[in-house]
Amino acid sequence: MSCRISGNSFLLENVYVEKVATSAGKIEGQGPIGNYFDIVYHDHYLGKDSYELAEIAMLDDACDIVMQKAKIKQDDIDLFIGGDLNNQITAINYFCKRIKRPLYGIYSACATMGQGIQQASLFLENKSMERILVMVSSHNACAERQFRYPNEYGIQKPITTTFTATGAVSVLLTNSPTKVRIGAITMGRVIDMLQTNPNDMGKAMAPSAFDTLKNHLKDLNRSADYYDLIVTGDLSNYGKNIMEVLMDRDGMKAKQYHDCGCLLYETTQVVFQGGSGPTCSALVTFGYLYQKLLQGSYQKILVLPTGALLNPIMTNQKQSIPCICHAFSLEVTQ
């Protein structure tokens, strides 16, 4: 059974990663970890009539691949949990029309995978369910059209901008033992440092990542070097630098710290500060780092997906940007 240690954290004993599937866009496939993804698309439309329909198709692929890997049917999955960046989480809702299985649609912006992993873990740990599929998606062109300006406008972007990753990820969790488990989770708090620039997400989100990291370590009575790697979701280069300053000021010494937004792309790619979006941390975590756990390169990884809880209406009113970070650990079973 799950054990709430203190504060916002839970230790888990019965939650395992059964299979994962990753589908990625062309630019993501050209990055340093592109060979780790199950599918890399070469058409931003995927042969569909719109970017939004393409995003739904990516979810289709990620779902089909993970079920093929696990050799199961959709009726073997007790619950789908998922979200995206589109208004009213459109992509996951339209995708699940064909599934005919229970769905919890969720939203924590770019931290959605963290929220989904946490919710699924509590169901599985207490043996309420046996298999849950957690899914996220994002598409660069969809996100730009919704939160900024359509790519077709050719708007010049400031240097602090991040680049929304294109792709979809599905993670099949179970309470039957496998090689990698979810060891602990820490629920995030909404942190608002009164940042108002929607083109500077790293600066807005870094304090929320640090808040969750500090609470996680305090709740579980651990030091940062307990983990072989601590990785934030999508602070990218500018936000990562701020996170490093916050950790250093607190005397926090990690064996290794990195950010998924920096790991997803080559420094020579035109992605400004680096990657963002729900798929950014999910592609890096479950496309790349999960494989490193299976290979024995890491034993314990703490993942800190970060999300900026803004929308265009509030930013147009010059309101600040509240942020959140939901943490989970991936650990190799002994």
C-alpha atoms as a PDB file:
ATOM      1  CA  MET A   1       0.000   0.000   0.000  1.00  0.00           C
ATOM      2  CA  SER A   2       1.137   3.553  -0.634  1.00  0.00           C
ATOM      3  CA  CYS A   3       2.663   5.350   2.321  1.00  0.00           C
ATOM      4  CA  ARG A   4       2.334   9.094   2.646  1.00  0.00           C
ATOM      5  CA  ILE A   5       5.554  10.070   4.301  1.00  0.00           C
ATOM      6  CA  SER A   6       4.853  13.724   4.994  1.00  0.00           C
ATOM      7  CA  GLY A   7       3.969  16.893   3.183  1.00  0.00           C
ATOM      8  CA  ASN A   8       3.149  16.161  -0.446  1.00  0.00           C
ATOM      9  CA  SER A   9       5.111  12.931  -0.987  1.00  0.00           C
ATOM     10  CA  PHE A  10       4.270   9.239  -1.215  1.00  0.00           C
ATOM     11  CA  LEU A  11       6.523   6.200  -1.253  1.00  0.00           C
ATOM     12  CA  LEU A  12       5.314   3.425  -3.566  1.00  0.00           C
ATOM     13  CA  GLU A  13       5.958  -0.301  -3.643  1.00  0.00           C
ATOM     14  CA  ASN A  14       3.659  -1.721  -6.328  1.00  0.00           C
ATOM     15  CA  VAL A  15       3.834   0.539  -9.385  1.00  0.00           C
ATOM     16  CA  TYR A  16       5.870  -0.582 -12.397  1.00  0.00           C
ATOM     17  CA  VAL A  17       6.501   0.524 -15.967  1.00  0.00           C
ATOM     18  CA  GLU A  18       5.321  -2.289 -18.234  1.00  0.00           C
ATOM     19  CA  LYS A  19       5.928  -0.758 -21.677  1.00  0.00           C
ATOM     20  CA  VAL A  20       6.386   2.661 -23.266  1.00  0.00           C
ATOM     21  CA  ALA A  21       5.878   4.060 -26.763  1.00  0.00           C
ATOM     22  CA  THR A  22       7.134   7.300 -28.306  1.00  0.00           C
ATOM     23  CA  SER A  23       6.217   9.075 -31.520  1.00  0.00           C
ATOM     24  CA  ALA A  24       8.174  12.190 -32.442  1.00  0.00           C
ATOM     25  CA  GLY A  25       8.223  14.963 -35.008  1.00  0.00           C
ATOM     26  CA  LYS A  26      10.845  15.510 -37.683  1.00  0.00           C
ATOM     27  CA  ILE A  27      12.875  18.074 -35.729  1.00  0.00           C
ATOM     28  CA  GLU A  28      12.833  15.944 -32.581  1.00  0.00           C
ATOM     29  CA  GLY A  29      14.016  12.979 -34.633  1.00  0.00           C
ATOM     30  CA  GLN A  30      16.996  15.025 -35.817  1.00  0.00           C
ATOM     31  CA  GLY A  31      18.088  15.670 -32.227  1.00  0.00           C
ATOM     32  CA  PRO A  32      20.743  13.758 -30.263  1.00  0.00           C
ATOM     33  CA  ILE A  33      18.305  11.138 -28.949  1.00  0.00           C
ATOM     34  CA  GLY A  34      16.212  10.757 -32.112  1.00  0.00           C
ATOM     35  CA  ASN A  35      17.256   7.113 -32.557  1.00  0.00           C
ATOM     36  CA  TYR A  36      15.525   6.190 -29.290  1.00  0.00           C
ATOM     37  CA  PHE A  37      12.001   6.981 -30.512  1.00  0.00           C
ATOM     38  CA  ASP A  38       9.638   4.347 -31.909  1.00  0.00           C
ATOM     39  CA  ILE A  39       8.389   6.562 -34.745  1.00  0.00           C
ATOM     40  CA  VAL A  40       9.787   9.733 -36.268  1.00  0.00           C
ATOM     41  CA  TYR A  41       7.452  11.564 -38.642  1.00  0.00           C
ATOM     42  CA  HIS A  42       8.707  13.440 -41.671  1.00  0.00           C
ATOM     43  CA  ASP A  43       5.485  15.319 -42.369  1.00  0.00           C
ATOM     44  CA  HIS A  44       4.162  17.829 -39.817  1.00  0.00           C
ATOM     45  CA  TYR A  45       0.638  17.132 -41.078  1.00  0.00           C
ATOM     46  CA  LEU A  46       0.992  13.318 -40.991  1.00  0.00           C
ATOM     47  CA  GLY A  47      -1.136  13.312 -44.129  1.00  0.00           C
ATOM     48  CA  LYS A  48      -4.038  14.963 -42.260  1.00  0.00           C
ATOM     49  CA  ASP A  49      -5.928  18.169 -43.057  1.00  0.00           C
ATOM     50  CA  SER A  50      -4.727  20.106 -39.998  1.00  0.00           C
ATOM     51  CA  TYR A  51      -2.049  20.101 -37.325  1.00  0.00           C
ATOM     52  CA  GLU A  52      -4.675  19.302 -34.694  1.00  0.00           C
ATOM     53  CA  LEU A  53      -5.741  16.166 -36.554  1.00  0.00           C
ATOM     54  CA  ALA A  54      -2.070  15.244 -36.885  1.00  0.00           C
ATOM     55  CA  GLU A  55      -1.667  15.455 -33.110  1.00  0.00           C
ATOM     56  CA  ILE A  56      -4.582  13.073 -32.611  1.00  0.00           C
ATOM     57  CA  ALA A  57      -2.968  10.678 -35.103  1.00  0.00           C
ATOM     58  CA  MET A  58       0.253  10.729 -33.074  1.00  0.00           C
ATOM     59  CA  LEU A  59      -1.703   9.624 -30.007  1.00  0.00           C
ATOM     60  CA  ASP A  60      -3.213   6.815 -32.085  1.00  0.00           C
ATOM     61  CA  ASP A  61       0.244   5.595 -33.010  1.00  0.00           C
ATOM     62  CA  ALA A  62       1.630   5.824 -29.478  1.00  0.00           C
ATOM     63  CA  CYS A  63      -1.323   3.851 -28.124  1.00  0.00           C
ATOM     64  CA  ASP A  64      -1.168   1.164 -30.805  1.00  0.00           C
ATOM     65  CA  ILE A  65       2.571   0.685 -30.382  1.00  0.00           C
ATOM     66  CA  VAL A  66       2.469   0.286 -26.615  1.00  0.00           C
ATOM     67  CA  MET A  67      -0.355  -2.261 -26.851  1.00  0.00           C
ATOM     68  CA  GLN A  68       1.587  -4.200 -29.476  1.00  0.00           C
ATOM     69  CA  LYS A  69       4.652  -4.231 -27.239  1.00  0.00           C
ATOM     70  CA  ALA A  70       2.624  -5.424 -24.251  1.00  0.00           C
ATOM     71  CA  LYS A  71       0.631  -7.875 -26.402  1.00  0.00           C
ATOM     72  CA  ILE A  72      -2.648  -6.635 -25.002  1.00  0.00           C
ATOM     73  CA  LYS A  73      -5.916  -5.195 -26.279  1.00  0.00           C
ATOM     74  CA  GLN A  74      -7.495  -1.907 -25.251  1.00  0.00           C
ATOM     75  CA  ASP A  75     -10.029  -3.763 -23.093  1.00  0.00           C
ATOM     76  CA  ASP A  76      -7.091  -4.957 -20.949  1.00  0.00           C
ATOM     77  CA  ILE A  77      -6.441  -1.347 -19.892  1.00  0.00           C
ATOM     78  CA  ASP A  78      -8.529  -0.283 -16.904  1.00  0.00           C
ATOM     79  CA  LEU A  79      -8.117   3.461 -17.360  1.00  0.00           C
ATOM     80  CA  PHE A  80      -6.650   5.989 -19.760  1.00  0.00           C
ATOM     81  CA  ILE A  81      -5.187   9.173 -18.253  1.00  0.00           C
ATOM     82  CA  GLY A  82      -3.986  11.882 -20.594  1.00  0.00           C
ATOM     83  CA  GLY A  83      -3.759  15.476 -21.628  1.00  0.00           C
ATOM     84  CA  ASP A  84      -2.392  17.963 -24.134  1.00  0.00           C
ATOM     85  CA  LEU A  85      -2.065  21.722 -24.696  1.00  0.00           C
ATOM     86  CA  ASN A  86      -5.091  22.261 -26.932  1.00  0.00           C
ATOM     87  CA  ASN A  87      -8.186  24.047 -25.631  1.00  0.00           C
ATOM     88  CA  GLN A  88     -10.234  21.718 -23.417  1.00  0.00           C
ATOM     89  CA  ILE A  89      -7.573  19.004 -23.957  1.00  0.00           C
ATOM     90  CA  THR A  90      -9.040  18.378 -27.395  1.00  0.00           C
ATOM     91  CA  ALA A  91      -6.475  15.910 -28.714  1.00  0.00           C
ATOM     92  CA  ILE A  92      -6.846  13.323 -25.941  1.00  0.00           C
ATOM     93  CA  ASN A  93     -10.638  13.624 -25.939  1.00  0.00           C
ATOM     94  CA  TYR A  94     -10.934  13.131 -29.698  1.00  0.00           C
ATOM     95  CA  PHE A  95      -8.429  10.282 -29.605  1.00  0.00           C
ATOM     96  CA  CYS A  96     -10.387   8.453 -26.911  1.00  0.00           C
ATOM     97  CA  LYS A  97     -13.575   8.496 -28.982  1.00  0.00           C
ATOM     98  CA  ARG A  98     -12.368   5.294 -30.618  1.00  0.00           C
ATOM     99  CA  ILE A  99     -11.071   3.670 -27.443  1.00  0.00           C
ATOM    100  CA  LYS A 100     -14.359   3.155 -25.591  1.00  0.00           C
ATOM    101  CA  ARG A 101     -12.518   2.886 -22.270  1.00  0.00           C
ATOM    102  CA  PRO A 102     -12.665   5.069 -19.139  1.00  0.00           C
ATOM    103  CA  LEU A 103     -10.743   8.323 -19.477  1.00  0.00           C
ATOM    104  CA  TYR A 104      -9.467  10.914 -17.040  1.00  0.00           C
ATOM    105  CA  GLY A 105      -8.531  13.943 -19.092  1.00  0.00           C
ATOM    106  CA  ILE A 106      -6.039  16.061 -17.154  1.00  0.00           C
ATOM    107  CA  TYR A 107      -4.167  19.326 -17.541  1.00  0.00           C
ATOM    108  CA  SER A 108      -1.003  20.614 -15.914  1.00  0.00           C
ATOM    109  CA  ALA A 109       0.411  22.202 -19.070  1.00  0.00           C
ATOM    110  CA  CYS A 110       3.912  20.838 -19.695  1.00  0.00           C
ATOM    111  CA  ALA A 111       3.799  18.984 -16.346  1.00  0.00           C
ATOM    112  CA  THR A 112       0.858  16.839 -17.474  1.00  0.00           C
ATOM    113  CA  MET A 113       2.873  13.606 -17.677  1.00  0.00           C
ATOM    114  CA  GLY A 114       3.940  14.090 -14.068  1.00  0.00           C
ATOM    115  CA  GLN A 115       0.342  14.557 -12.957  1.00  0.00           C
ATOM    116  CA  GLY A 116      -0.772  11.520 -14.943  1.00  0.00           C
ATOM    117  CA  ILE A 117       1.961   9.287 -13.524  1.00  0.00           C
ATOM    118  CA  GLN A 118       1.023  10.356 -10.006  1.00  0.00           C
ATOM    119  CA  GLN A 119      -2.689   9.731 -10.404  1.00  0.00           C
ATOM    120  CA  ALA A 120      -2.144   6.359 -12.037  1.00  0.00           C
ATOM    121  CA  SER A 121       0.371   5.363  -9.369  1.00  0.00           C
ATOM    122  CA  LEU A 122      -2.066   5.892  -6.510  1.00  0.00           C
ATOM    123  CA  PHE A 123      -4.725   3.743  -8.214  1.00  0.00           C
ATOM    124  CA  LEU A 124      -2.239   0.966  -8.934  1.00  0.00           C
ATOM    125  CA  GLU A 125      -0.432   1.053  -5.610  1.00  0.00           C
ATOM    126  CA  ASN A 126      -3.675   0.419  -3.770  1.00  0.00           C
ATOM    127  CA  LYS A 127      -4.631  -2.357  -6.210  1.00  0.00           C
ATOM    128  CA  SER A 128      -7.769  -0.527  -7.317  1.00  0.00           C
ATOM    129  CA  MET A 129      -6.724  -1.222 -10.913  1.00  0.00           C
ATOM    130  CA  GLU A 130      -4.163  -3.404 -12.679  1.00  0.00           C
ATOM    131  CA  ARG A 131      -3.178  -1.489 -15.832  1.00  0.00           C
ATOM    132  CA  ILE A 132      -3.367   2.230 -16.614  1.00  0.00           C
ATOM    133  CA  LEU A 133      -2.153   3.963 -19.755  1.00  0.00           C
ATOM    134  CA  VAL A 134      -0.826   7.498 -19.257  1.00  0.00           C
ATOM    135  CA  MET A 135      -0.558   9.593 -22.430  1.00  0.00           C
ATOM    136  CA  VAL A 136       0.475  13.085 -23.468  1.00  0.00           C
ATOM    137  CA  SER A 137       0.860  14.884 -26.776  1.00  0.00           C
ATOM    138  CA  SER A 138       1.883  18.247 -28.175  1.00  0.00           C
ATOM    139  CA  HIS A 139       2.465  19.696 -31.631  1.00  0.00           C
ATOM    140  CA  ASN A 140       4.613  22.750 -32.229  1.00  0.00           C
ATOM    141  CA  ALA A 141       2.267  24.272 -34.816  1.00  0.00           C
ATOM    142  CA  CYS A 142      -0.832  23.681 -32.653  1.00  0.00           C
ATOM    143  CA  ALA A 143       0.780  25.281 -29.602  1.00  0.00           C
ATOM    144  CA  GLU A 144       2.062  28.281 -31.531  1.00  0.00           C
ATOM    145  CA  ARG A 145      -1.376  28.868 -33.017  1.00  0.00           C
ATOM    146  CA  GLN A 146      -3.025  28.720 -29.607  1.00  0.00           C
ATOM    147  CA  PHE A 147      -0.557  30.452 -27.292  1.00  0.00           C
ATOM    148  CA  ARG A 148       1.389  32.817 -29.551  1.00  0.00           C
ATOM    149  CA  TYR A 149       1.076  33.382 -33.313  1.00  0.00           C
ATOM    150  CA  PRO A 150       0.621  30.784 -36.084  1.00  0.00           C
ATOM    151  CA  ASN A 151       3.947  29.781 -37.617  1.00  0.00           C
ATOM    152  CA  GLU A 152       2.709  31.042 -40.972  1.00  0.00           C
ATOM    153  CA  TYR A 153       2.859  34.618 -39.647  1.00  0.00           C
ATOM    154  CA  GLY A 154       6.642  34.446 -39.476  1.00  0.00           C
ATOM    155  CA  ILE A 155       6.751  36.473 -36.249  1.00  0.00           C
ATOM    156  CA  GLN A 156      10.285  37.129 -34.981  1.00  0.00           C
ATOM    157  CA  LYS A 157      10.748  35.360 -31.649  1.00  0.00           C
ATOM    158  CA  PRO A 158      12.746  36.657 -28.668  1.00  0.00           C
ATOM    159  CA  ILE A 159      15.833  34.754 -27.592  1.00  0.00           C
ATOM    160  CA  THR A 160      14.163  33.551 -24.352  1.00  0.00           C
ATOM    161  CA  THR A 161      11.514  31.580 -26.286  1.00  0.00           C
ATOM    162  CA  THR A 162      11.290  27.808 -25.979  1.00  0.00           C
ATOM    163  CA  PHE A 163      10.251  25.408 -28.746  1.00  0.00           C
ATOM    164  CA  THR A 164       7.190  23.196 -28.196  1.00  0.00           C
ATOM    165  CA  ALA A 165       8.097  19.579 -28.947  1.00  0.00           C
ATOM    166  CA  THR A 166       6.052  17.604 -31.455  1.00  0.00           C
ATOM    167  CA  GLY A 167       5.135  14.041 -30.535  1.00  0.00           C
ATOM    168  CA  ALA A 168       3.080  11.732 -28.346  1.00  0.00           C
ATOM    169  CA  VAL A 169       4.084   9.365 -25.555  1.00  0.00           C
ATOM    170  CA  SER A 170       2.230   6.513 -23.889  1.00  0.00           C
ATOM    171  CA  VAL A 171       3.364   4.847 -20.654  1.00  0.00           C
ATOM    172  CA  LEU A 172       1.706   1.613 -19.571  1.00  0.00           C
ATOM    173  CA  LEU A 173       1.833   1.273 -15.792  1.00  0.00           C
ATOM    174  CA  THR A 174       0.974  -1.883 -13.862  1.00  0.00           C
ATOM    175  CA  ASN A 175       1.187  -3.380 -10.380  1.00  0.00           C
ATOM    176  CA  SER A 176       2.887  -6.518 -11.721  1.00  0.00           C
ATOM    177  CA  PRO A 177       6.690  -6.387 -11.243  1.00  0.00           C
ATOM    178  CA  THR A 178       8.938  -5.298 -14.119  1.00  0.00           C
ATOM    179  CA  LYS A 179      12.504  -3.969 -14.364  1.00  0.00           C
ATOM    180  CA  VAL A 180      11.621  -0.330 -13.631  1.00  0.00           C
ATOM    181  CA  ARG A 181       9.232   1.008 -11.025  1.00  0.00           C
ATOM    182  CA  ILE A 182       7.824   4.317  -9.836  1.00  0.00           C
ATOM    183  CA  GLY A 183       9.480   4.663  -6.438  1.00  0.00           C
ATOM    184  CA  ALA A 184       8.078   7.920  -5.100  1.00  0.00           C
ATOM    185  CA  ILE A 185       5.949  10.892  -6.087  1.00  0.00           C
ATOM    186  CA  THR A 186       5.704  14.456  -4.849  1.00  0.00           C
ATOM    187  CA  MET A 187       2.675  16.550  -5.724  1.00  0.00           C
ATOM    188  CA  GLY A 188       3.462  20.082  -6.835  1.00  0.00           C
ATOM    189  CA  ARG A 189       2.180  23.393  -5.526  1.00  0.00           C
ATOM    190  CA  VAL A 190       1.235  26.377  -7.676  1.00  0.00           C
ATOM    191  CA  ILE A 191       4.118  28.841  -7.511  1.00  0.00           C
ATOM    192  CA  ASP A 192       3.772  32.335  -8.930  1.00  0.00           C
ATOM    193  CA  MET A 193       6.849  34.573  -8.956  1.00  0.00           C
ATOM    194  CA  LEU A 194       4.930  37.340 -10.779  1.00  0.00           C
ATOM    195  CA  GLN A 195       6.584  36.731 -14.143  1.00  0.00           C
ATOM    196  CA  THR A 196       4.426  38.055 -16.975  1.00  0.00           C
ATOM    197  CA  ASN A 197       6.388  37.279 -20.151  1.00  0.00           C
ATOM    198  CA  PRO A 198       4.810  34.310 -22.028  1.00  0.00           C
ATOM    199  CA  ASN A 199       7.971  34.076 -24.125  1.00  0.00           C
ATOM    200  CA  ASP A 200      10.141  33.376 -21.090  1.00  0.00           C
ATOM    201  CA  MET A 201       8.794  30.158 -19.656  1.00  0.00           C
ATOM    202  CA  GLY A 202      12.066  28.971 -18.164  1.00  0.00           C
ATOM    203  CA  LYS A 203      12.293  31.943 -15.818  1.00  0.00           C
ATOM    204  CA  ALA A 204       8.673  31.464 -14.748  1.00  0.00           C
ATOM    205  CA  MET A 205       8.892  27.708 -14.130  1.00  0.00           C
ATOM    206  CA  ALA A 206      12.293  27.287 -12.458  1.00  0.00           C
ATOM    207  CA  PRO A 207      11.039  28.322  -8.971  1.00  0.00           C
ATOM    208  CA  SER A 208       8.242  25.723  -9.117  1.00  0.00           C
ATOM    209  CA  ALA A 209      10.751  22.994 -10.039  1.00  0.00           C
ATOM    210  CA  PHE A 210      12.981  23.999  -7.151  1.00  0.00           C
ATOM    211  CA  ASP A 211      10.031  24.113  -4.744  1.00  0.00           C
ATOM    212  CA  THR A 212       8.967  20.571  -5.637  1.00  0.00           C
ATOM    213  CA  LEU A 213      12.540  19.267  -5.521  1.00  0.00           C
ATOM    214  CA  LYS A 214      13.124  20.766  -2.103  1.00  0.00           C
ATOM    215  CA  ASN A 215       9.827  19.399  -0.758  1.00  0.00           C
ATOM    216  CA  HIS A 216      10.566  15.962  -2.219  1.00  0.00           C
ATOM    217  CA  LEU A 217      13.951  15.734  -0.524  1.00  0.00           C
ATOM    218  CA  LYS A 218      12.624  17.105   2.774  1.00  0.00           C
ATOM    219  CA  ASP A 219       9.565  14.840   2.839  1.00  0.00           C
ATOM    220  CA  LEU A 220      11.607  11.704   2.132  1.00  0.00           C
ATOM    221  CA  ASN A 221      14.640  12.750   4.189  1.00  0.00           C
ATOM    222  CA  ARG A 222      16.925  12.393   1.189  1.00  0.00           C
ATOM    223  CA  SER A 223      19.793  14.413  -0.215  1.00  0.00           C
ATOM    224  CA  ALA A 224      19.992  15.322  -3.876  1.00  0.00           C
ATOM    225  CA  ASP A 225      22.830  12.872  -4.485  1.00  0.00           C
ATOM    226  CA  TYR A 226      20.498   9.985  -3.602  1.00  0.00           C
ATOM    227  CA  TYR A 227      19.620  10.054  -7.303  1.00  0.00           C
ATOM    228  CA  ASP A 228      21.996   9.282 -10.143  1.00  0.00           C
ATOM    229  CA  LEU A 229      20.246  11.978 -12.168  1.00  0.00           C
ATOM    230  CA  ILE A 230      17.788  14.768 -11.444  1.00  0.00           C
ATOM    231  CA  VAL A 231      16.088  16.082 -14.561  1.00  0.00           C
ATOM    232  CA  THR A 232      13.633  18.939 -14.939  1.00  0.00           C
ATOM    233  CA  GLY A 233      10.937  18.959 -17.597  1.00  0.00           C
ATOM    234  CA  ASP A 234      11.379  21.907 -19.923  1.00  0.00           C
ATOM    235  CA  LEU A 235      13.190  24.790 -18.308  1.00  0.00           C
ATOM    236  CA  SER A 236      15.598  24.718 -21.257  1.00  0.00           C
ATOM    237  CA  ASN A 237      18.908  26.578 -21.201  1.00  0.00           C
ATOM    238  CA  TYR A 238      17.885  29.844 -19.537  1.00  0.00           C
ATOM    239  CA  GLY A 239      15.616  28.220 -16.942  1.00  0.00           C
ATOM    240  CA  LYS A 240      18.167  25.468 -16.286  1.00  0.00           C
ATOM    241  CA  ASN A 241      20.745  28.101 -15.399  1.00  0.00           C
ATOM    242  CA  ILE A 242      18.301  29.643 -12.903  1.00  0.00           C
ATOM    243  CA  MET A 243      17.593  26.209 -11.408  1.00  0.00           C
ATOM    244  CA  GLU A 244      21.309  25.597 -10.968  1.00  0.00           C
ATOM    245  CA  VAL A 245      21.680  28.920  -9.132  1.00  0.00           C
ATOM    246  CA  LEU A 246      18.769  28.059  -6.811  1.00  0.00           C
ATOM    247  CA  MET A 247      20.233  24.625  -6.059  1.00  0.00           C
ATOM    248  CA  ASP A 248      23.689  26.085  -5.445  1.00  0.00           C
ATOM    249  CA  ARG A 249      22.354  28.773  -3.092  1.00  0.00           C
ATOM    250  CA  ASP A 250      20.603  26.053  -1.095  1.00  0.00           C
ATOM    251  CA  GLY A 251      23.791  23.983  -0.894  1.00  0.00           C
ATOM    252  CA  MET A 252      22.140  21.217  -2.886  1.00  0.00           C
ATOM    253  CA  LYS A 253      24.764  18.904  -4.397  1.00  0.00           C
ATOM    254  CA  ALA A 254      23.359  16.525  -6.996  1.00  0.00           C
ATOM    255  CA  LYS A 255      25.430  13.840  -8.727  1.00  0.00           C
ATOM    256  CA  GLN A 256      24.049  15.111 -12.006  1.00  0.00           C
ATOM    257  CA  TYR A 257      21.374  17.616 -12.963  1.00  0.00           C
ATOM    258  CA  HIS A 258      20.022  18.247 -16.464  1.00  0.00           C
ATOM    259  CA  ASP A 259      16.898  19.446 -18.252  1.00  0.00           C
ATOM    260  CA  CYS A 260      14.827  17.570 -20.825  1.00  0.00           C
ATOM    261  CA  GLY A 261      14.446  20.704 -22.946  1.00  0.00           C
ATOM    262  CA  CYS A 262      18.234  20.798 -23.357  1.00  0.00           C
ATOM    263  CA  LEU A 263      18.607  17.046 -23.942  1.00  0.00           C
ATOM    264  CA  LEU A 264      16.002  16.802 -26.705  1.00  0.00           C
ATOM    265  CA  TYR A 265      17.730  18.974 -29.319  1.00  0.00           C
ATOM    266  CA  GLU A 266      21.200  19.658 -30.688  1.00  0.00           C
ATOM    267  CA  THR A 267      22.628  23.056 -29.829  1.00  0.00           C
ATOM    268  CA  THR A 268      22.878  23.725 -33.574  1.00  0.00           C
ATOM    269  CA  GLN A 269      19.125  23.313 -34.119  1.00  0.00           C
ATOM    270  CA  VAL A 270      17.006  26.475 -34.331  1.00  0.00           C
ATOM    271  CA  VAL A 271      14.963  25.879 -31.172  1.00  0.00           C
ATOM    272  CA  PHE A 272      15.941  29.034 -29.257  1.00  0.00           C
ATOM    273  CA  GLN A 273      16.400  28.126 -25.550  1.00  0.00           C
ATOM    274  CA  GLY A 274      15.390  24.488 -26.120  1.00  0.00           C
ATOM    275  CA  GLY A 275      12.355  22.252 -25.847  1.00  0.00           C
ATOM    276  CA  SER A 276       9.049  22.656 -24.037  1.00  0.00           C
ATOM    277  CA  GLY A 277       5.559  21.134 -24.068  1.00  0.00           C
ATOM    278  CA  PRO A 278       4.119  18.010 -22.395  1.00  0.00           C
ATOM    279  CA  THR A 279       5.887  15.781 -24.911  1.00  0.00           C
ATOM    280  CA  CYS A 280       9.299  17.309 -24.262  1.00  0.00           C
ATOM    281  CA  SER A 281       9.906  15.739 -20.855  1.00  0.00           C
ATOM    282  CA  ALA A 282       7.966  12.608 -21.822  1.00  0.00           C
ATOM    283  CA  LEU A 283      10.071  11.915 -24.941  1.00  0.00           C
ATOM    284  CA  VAL A 284      13.318  12.368 -23.042  1.00  0.00           C
ATOM    285  CA  THR A 285      12.191  10.438 -19.959  1.00  0.00           C
ATOM    286  CA  PHE A 286      10.483   7.476 -21.574  1.00  0.00           C
ATOM    287  CA  GLY A 287      12.217   7.459 -24.947  1.00  0.00           C
ATOM    288  CA  TYR A 288      15.773   7.930 -23.723  1.00  0.00           C
ATOM    289  CA  LEU A 289      16.272   7.804 -19.942  1.00  0.00           C
ATOM    290  CA  TYR A 290      14.024   4.760 -19.513  1.00  0.00           C
ATOM    291  CA  GLN A 291      16.285   2.865 -21.928  1.00  0.00           C
ATOM    292  CA  LYS A 292      19.309   3.969 -19.913  1.00  0.00           C
ATOM    293  CA  LEU A 293      17.701   2.522 -16.793  1.00  0.00           C
ATOM    294  CA  LEU A 294      17.102  -0.788 -18.554  1.00  0.00           C
ATOM    295  CA  GLN A 295      20.735  -0.797 -19.708  1.00  0.00           C
ATOM    296  CA  GLY A 296      21.984  -0.155 -16.171  1.00  0.00           C
ATOM    297  CA  SER A 297      23.470   3.287 -16.864  1.00  0.00           C
ATOM    298  CA  TYR A 298      21.289   4.706 -14.077  1.00  0.00           C
ATOM    299  CA  GLN A 299      19.641   3.143 -11.047  1.00  0.00           C
ATOM    300  CA  LYS A 300      17.541   6.033  -9.725  1.00  0.00           C
ATOM    301  CA  ILE A 301      16.281   9.084 -11.613  1.00  0.00           C
ATOM    302  CA  LEU A 302      14.113  11.882 -10.254  1.00  0.00           C
ATOM    303  CA  VAL A 303      11.950  13.498 -12.935  1.00  0.00           C
ATOM    304  CA  LEU A 304      10.528  16.981 -12.337  1.00  0.00           C
ATOM    305  CA  PRO A 305       8.081  17.832 -15.178  1.00  0.00           C
ATOM    306  CA  THR A 306       7.338  21.553 -15.145  1.00  0.00           C
ATOM    307  CA  GLY A 307       4.285  23.428 -16.383  1.00  0.00           C
ATOM    308  CA  ALA A 308       3.277  27.063 -16.904  1.00  0.00           C
ATOM    309  CA  LEU A 309      -0.435  27.401 -16.142  1.00  0.00           C
ATOM    310  CA  LEU A 310      -1.151  30.322 -18.438  1.00  0.00           C
ATOM    311  CA  ASN A 311      -3.582  31.011 -21.258  1.00  0.00           C
ATOM    312  CA  PRO A 312      -3.705  33.817 -23.841  1.00  0.00           C
ATOM    313  CA  ILE A 313      -6.633  35.559 -22.169  1.00  0.00           C
ATOM    314  CA  MET A 314      -4.785  36.051 -18.894  1.00  0.00           C
ATOM    315  CA  THR A 315      -1.476  36.999 -20.489  1.00  0.00           C
ATOM    316  CA  ASN A 316      -3.261  39.554 -22.684  1.00  0.00           C
ATOM    317  CA  GLN A 317      -4.561  41.036 -19.429  1.00  0.00           C
ATOM    318  CA  LYS A 318      -0.925  41.281 -18.262  1.00  0.00           C
ATOM    319  CA  GLN A 319      -1.530  38.775 -15.483  1.00  0.00           C
ATOM    320  CA  SER A 320       1.373  36.798 -14.045  1.00  0.00           C
ATOM    321  CA  ILE A 321       2.096  33.169 -14.913  1.00  0.00           C
ATOM    322  CA  PRO A 322       1.509  30.565 -12.158  1.00  0.00           C
ATOM    323  CA  CYS A 323       3.552  27.384 -12.533  1.00  0.00           C
ATOM    324  CA  ILE A 324       3.593  23.849 -11.161  1.00  0.00           C
ATOM    325  CA  CYS A 325       5.886  20.814 -11.032  1.00  0.00           C
ATOM    326  CA  HIS A 326       4.817  17.223 -10.291  1.00  0.00           C
ATOM    327  CA  ALA A 327       7.717  14.880  -9.466  1.00  0.00           C
ATOM    328  CA  PHE A 328       8.165  11.117  -9.762  1.00  0.00           C
ATOM    329  CA  SER A 329      11.142   8.813  -9.454  1.00  0.00           C
ATOM    330  CA  LEU A 330      12.096   5.960 -11.765  1.00  0.00           C
ATOM    331  CA  GLU A 331      14.079   3.209 -10.089  1.00  0.00           C
ATOM    332  CA  VAL A 332      15.555  -0.086 -11.270  1.00  0.00           C
ATOM    333  CA  THR A 333      14.114  -2.997  -9.330  1.00  0.00           C
ATOM    334  CA  GLN A 334      16.533  -5.222  -7.455  1.00  0.00           C
END
